[in-house]
């Protein structure tokens, strides 16, 4: 499935590094082989807008093709397997 996500140049998202380390609380680490994204650029922007999350200008939208773990249709959110994620 094609997904879109915000990423820093290091490949991590706004909340976690690519290795799953929390950006705000590095003592927390997630080793679950997942990436979170959205089904469209519009859904991605809306997810952050609805939560009033201000995005760092260094973040960029990145497109992936990956195997789906779980989909939240009402939110436009998708969880994919990190080890299958291929940047497009």
N, C-alpha and C. Protein backbone atom coordinates (compact mmCIF):
# COMPACT_ATOMS: atom_id res chain seq x y z
N UNK A 1 0.85 -1.17 0.00
CA UNK A 1 0.00 0.00 0.00
C UNK A 1 0.89 1.24 0.00
N UNK A 2 0.45 2.26 -0.68
CA UNK A 2 1.15 3.54 -0.71
C UNK A 2 0.72 4.34 0.51
N UNK A 3 1.70 4.88 1.24
CA UNK A 3 1.41 5.75 2.37
C UNK A 3 2.29 6.99 2.28
N UNK A 4 1.89 8.01 3.04
CA UNK A 4 2.63 9.27 3.12
C UNK A 4 2.89 9.56 4.58
N UNK A 5 4.09 10.07 4.87
CA UNK A 5 4.42 10.42 6.25
C UNK A 5 5.36 11.61 6.29
N UNK A 6 5.34 12.32 7.41
CA UNK A 6 6.29 13.39 7.62
C UNK A 6 7.56 12.78 8.19
N UNK A 7 8.69 13.19 7.64
CA UNK A 7 9.98 12.70 8.11
C UNK A 7 11.01 13.82 8.14
N UNK A 8 11.94 13.66 9.07
CA UNK A 8 13.14 14.50 9.09
C UNK A 8 14.15 13.90 8.12
N UNK A 9 15.19 14.63 7.78
CA UNK A 9 16.21 14.09 6.88
C UNK A 9 16.86 12.79 7.40
N UNK A 10 16.79 12.54 8.72
CA UNK A 10 17.36 11.31 9.27
C UNK A 10 16.47 10.09 9.08
N UNK A 11 15.28 10.28 8.47
CA UNK A 11 14.38 9.16 8.19
C UNK A 11 13.37 8.89 9.29
N UNK A 12 13.48 9.60 10.40
CA UNK A 12 12.52 9.44 11.49
C UNK A 12 11.37 10.41 11.34
N UNK A 13 10.31 10.14 12.08
CA UNK A 13 9.15 11.00 12.04
C UNK A 13 9.22 12.11 13.08
N UNK A 14 8.13 12.85 13.24
CA UNK A 14 8.12 13.96 14.19
C UNK A 14 8.23 13.52 15.65
N UNK A 15 7.82 12.28 15.95
CA UNK A 15 7.78 11.83 17.34
C UNK A 15 8.88 10.83 17.69
N UNK A 16 9.26 10.00 16.72
CA UNK A 16 10.25 8.95 16.96
C UNK A 16 11.32 8.97 15.88
N UNK A 17 12.54 8.59 16.26
CA UNK A 17 13.60 8.42 15.27
C UNK A 17 13.30 7.17 14.45
N UNK A 18 14.05 6.94 13.41
CA UNK A 18 13.85 5.75 12.58
C UNK A 18 14.06 4.47 13.40
N UNK A 19 14.88 4.55 14.46
CA UNK A 19 15.13 3.40 15.33
C UNK A 19 14.10 3.27 16.44
N UNK A 20 13.10 4.13 16.46
CA UNK A 20 12.03 4.03 17.44
C UNK A 20 12.29 4.72 18.76
N UNK A 21 13.26 5.60 18.82
CA UNK A 21 13.57 6.33 20.05
C UNK A 21 12.75 7.63 20.09
N UNK A 22 12.11 7.86 21.21
CA UNK A 22 11.30 9.07 21.37
C UNK A 22 12.18 10.31 21.24
N UNK A 23 11.74 11.26 20.44
CA UNK A 23 12.52 12.50 20.25
C UNK A 23 12.47 13.39 21.50
N UNK A 24 11.39 13.33 22.27
CA UNK A 24 11.27 14.18 23.45
C UNK A 24 11.69 13.48 24.74
N UNK A 25 11.59 12.16 24.77
CA UNK A 25 11.96 11.37 25.95
C UNK A 25 12.78 10.16 25.48
N UNK A 26 14.07 10.36 25.20
CA UNK A 26 14.90 9.30 24.62
C UNK A 26 15.01 8.03 25.47
N UNK A 27 14.57 8.10 26.71
CA UNK A 27 14.58 6.89 27.52
C UNK A 27 13.52 5.88 27.08
N UNK A 28 12.58 6.35 26.26
CA UNK A 28 11.54 5.46 25.71
C UNK A 28 11.91 5.05 24.30
N UNK A 29 11.85 3.73 24.06
CA UNK A 29 12.17 3.20 22.75
C UNK A 29 11.14 2.15 22.35
N UNK A 30 10.75 2.17 21.08
CA UNK A 30 9.77 1.23 20.55
C UNK A 30 10.45 0.37 19.49
N UNK A 31 10.44 -0.92 19.69
CA UNK A 31 11.09 -1.86 18.77
C UNK A 31 10.03 -2.75 18.12
N UNK A 32 9.07 -2.15 17.47
CA UNK A 32 7.94 -2.94 16.95
C UNK A 32 7.89 -3.06 15.42
N UNK A 33 8.94 -2.64 14.71
CA UNK A 33 9.01 -2.80 13.25
C UNK A 33 7.84 -2.14 12.51
N UNK A 34 7.38 -1.00 13.00
CA UNK A 34 6.27 -0.32 12.33
C UNK A 34 6.60 1.13 12.02
N UNK A 35 5.91 1.62 11.00
CA UNK A 35 5.92 3.04 10.64
C UNK A 35 4.46 3.48 10.53
N UNK A 36 4.18 4.69 10.95
CA UNK A 36 2.83 5.24 10.84
C UNK A 36 2.81 6.26 9.71
N UNK A 37 1.72 6.24 8.96
CA UNK A 37 1.55 7.17 7.87
C UNK A 37 0.08 7.38 7.58
N UNK A 38 -0.20 7.93 6.41
CA UNK A 38 -1.57 8.22 6.02
C UNK A 38 -1.80 7.78 4.58
N UNK A 39 -3.06 7.58 4.23
CA UNK A 39 -3.42 7.09 2.90
C UNK A 39 -3.27 8.14 1.81
N UNK A 40 -3.19 9.40 2.21
CA UNK A 40 -3.02 10.48 1.23
C UNK A 40 -2.33 11.66 1.91
N UNK A 41 -1.84 12.56 1.10
CA UNK A 41 -1.22 13.77 1.65
C UNK A 41 -2.27 14.59 2.41
N UNK A 42 -3.47 14.64 1.86
CA UNK A 42 -4.56 15.38 2.53
C UNK A 42 -4.86 14.77 3.89
N UNK A 43 -4.94 13.44 3.98
CA UNK A 43 -5.22 12.78 5.26
C UNK A 43 -4.08 13.02 6.25
N UNK A 44 -2.84 13.02 5.76
CA UNK A 44 -1.68 13.27 6.61
C UNK A 44 -1.75 14.68 7.21
N UNK A 45 -1.96 15.67 6.36
CA UNK A 45 -2.04 17.05 6.84
C UNK A 45 -3.21 17.24 7.81
N UNK A 46 -4.34 16.59 7.50
CA UNK A 46 -5.53 16.71 8.34
C UNK A 46 -5.30 16.08 9.72
N UNK A 47 -4.58 14.95 9.78
CA UNK A 47 -4.30 14.28 11.05
C UNK A 47 -3.59 15.24 12.00
N UNK A 48 -2.59 15.95 11.51
CA UNK A 48 -1.84 16.88 12.34
C UNK A 48 -2.66 18.14 12.64
N UNK A 49 -3.40 18.62 11.66
CA UNK A 49 -4.23 19.82 11.85
C UNK A 49 -5.29 19.59 12.91
N UNK A 50 -5.97 18.45 12.87
CA UNK A 50 -7.03 18.15 13.85
C UNK A 50 -6.50 18.06 15.27
N UNK A 51 -5.24 17.77 15.43
CA UNK A 51 -4.61 17.66 16.74
C UNK A 51 -3.82 18.91 17.13
N UNK A 52 -3.92 19.93 16.29
CA UNK A 52 -3.23 21.21 16.54
C UNK A 52 -1.74 21.02 16.76
N UNK A 53 -1.14 20.14 15.98
CA UNK A 53 0.30 19.89 16.08
C UNK A 53 1.01 20.77 15.07
N UNK A 54 1.87 21.62 15.56
CA UNK A 54 2.66 22.50 14.71
C UNK A 54 3.87 21.70 14.23
N UNK A 55 4.07 21.68 12.93
CA UNK A 55 5.15 20.89 12.34
C UNK A 55 6.42 21.70 12.15
N UNK A 56 7.51 21.08 12.46
CA UNK A 56 8.83 21.67 12.25
C UNK A 56 9.03 21.85 10.74
N UNK A 57 9.50 23.00 10.29
CA UNK A 57 9.72 23.22 8.86
C UNK A 57 10.73 22.25 8.25
N UNK A 58 11.54 21.59 9.07
CA UNK A 58 12.52 20.62 8.55
C UNK A 58 11.86 19.31 8.12
N UNK A 59 10.61 19.09 8.52
CA UNK A 59 9.90 17.87 8.12
C UNK A 59 9.49 17.95 6.66
N UNK A 60 9.55 16.82 5.99
CA UNK A 60 9.12 16.75 4.60
C UNK A 60 8.20 15.55 4.43
N UNK A 61 7.35 15.61 3.44
CA UNK A 61 6.44 14.50 3.16
C UNK A 61 7.19 13.48 2.32
N UNK A 62 7.13 12.22 2.77
CA UNK A 62 7.81 11.12 2.08
C UNK A 62 6.77 10.06 1.74
N UNK A 63 6.91 9.48 0.56
CA UNK A 63 5.98 8.47 0.05
C UNK A 63 6.64 7.09 0.13
N UNK A 64 5.87 6.11 0.62
CA UNK A 64 6.36 4.74 0.75
C UNK A 64 5.37 3.75 0.16
N UNK A 65 5.90 2.60 -0.22
CA UNK A 65 5.09 1.43 -0.53
C UNK A 65 5.49 0.39 0.50
N UNK A 66 4.51 -0.16 1.23
CA UNK A 66 4.83 -1.10 2.31
C UNK A 66 3.65 -2.02 2.61
N UNK A 67 3.94 -3.08 3.34
CA UNK A 67 2.92 -4.04 3.77
C UNK A 67 2.15 -3.47 4.96
N UNK A 68 0.84 -3.51 4.87
CA UNK A 68 -0.03 -2.96 5.92
C UNK A 68 -0.11 -3.90 7.12
N UNK A 69 0.02 -3.31 8.30
CA UNK A 69 -0.20 -4.03 9.56
C UNK A 69 -1.61 -3.76 10.05
N UNK A 70 -1.99 -2.49 10.00
CA UNK A 70 -3.33 -2.09 10.44
C UNK A 70 -3.71 -0.78 9.76
N UNK A 71 -5.00 -0.66 9.51
CA UNK A 71 -5.52 0.56 8.87
C UNK A 71 -6.64 1.12 9.73
N UNK A 72 -6.66 2.43 9.89
CA UNK A 72 -7.72 3.14 10.61
C UNK A 72 -8.45 4.00 9.59
N UNK A 73 -9.43 3.42 8.89
CA UNK A 73 -10.10 4.13 7.79
C UNK A 73 -10.72 5.47 8.18
N UNK A 74 -11.28 5.56 9.37
CA UNK A 74 -11.93 6.81 9.77
C UNK A 74 -10.93 7.94 9.96
N UNK A 75 -9.68 7.59 10.25
CA UNK A 75 -8.64 8.59 10.48
C UNK A 75 -7.74 8.80 9.27
N UNK A 76 -7.81 7.87 8.32
CA UNK A 76 -6.91 7.93 7.18
C UNK A 76 -5.50 7.49 7.55
N UNK A 77 -5.35 6.88 8.73
CA UNK A 77 -4.06 6.48 9.26
C UNK A 77 -3.78 5.02 8.92
N UNK A 78 -2.50 4.73 8.65
CA UNK A 78 -2.08 3.38 8.29
C UNK A 78 -0.80 3.04 9.04
N UNK A 79 -0.72 1.81 9.54
CA UNK A 79 0.49 1.30 10.18
C UNK A 79 1.06 0.25 9.22
N UNK A 80 2.34 0.39 8.88
CA UNK A 80 2.97 -0.55 7.95
C UNK A 80 4.21 -1.17 8.59
N UNK A 81 4.63 -2.29 8.01
CA UNK A 81 5.86 -2.94 8.47
C UNK A 81 7.07 -2.16 7.96
N UNK A 82 7.90 -1.74 8.89
CA UNK A 82 9.08 -0.94 8.55
C UNK A 82 10.02 -1.72 7.62
N UNK A 83 10.17 -3.02 7.86
CA UNK A 83 11.12 -3.79 7.06
C UNK A 83 10.65 -4.04 5.63
N UNK A 84 9.41 -3.68 5.32
CA UNK A 84 8.92 -3.80 3.93
C UNK A 84 8.78 -2.44 3.26
N UNK A 85 9.00 -1.36 4.02
CA UNK A 85 8.79 0.00 3.52
C UNK A 85 9.87 0.37 2.50
N UNK A 86 9.41 0.68 1.30
CA UNK A 86 10.29 1.09 0.22
C UNK A 86 9.95 2.52 -0.15
N UNK A 87 10.92 3.42 0.02
CA UNK A 87 10.71 4.83 -0.29
C UNK A 87 10.55 5.00 -1.80
N UNK A 88 9.53 5.77 -2.18
CA UNK A 88 9.26 6.01 -3.61
C UNK A 88 9.68 7.42 -4.00
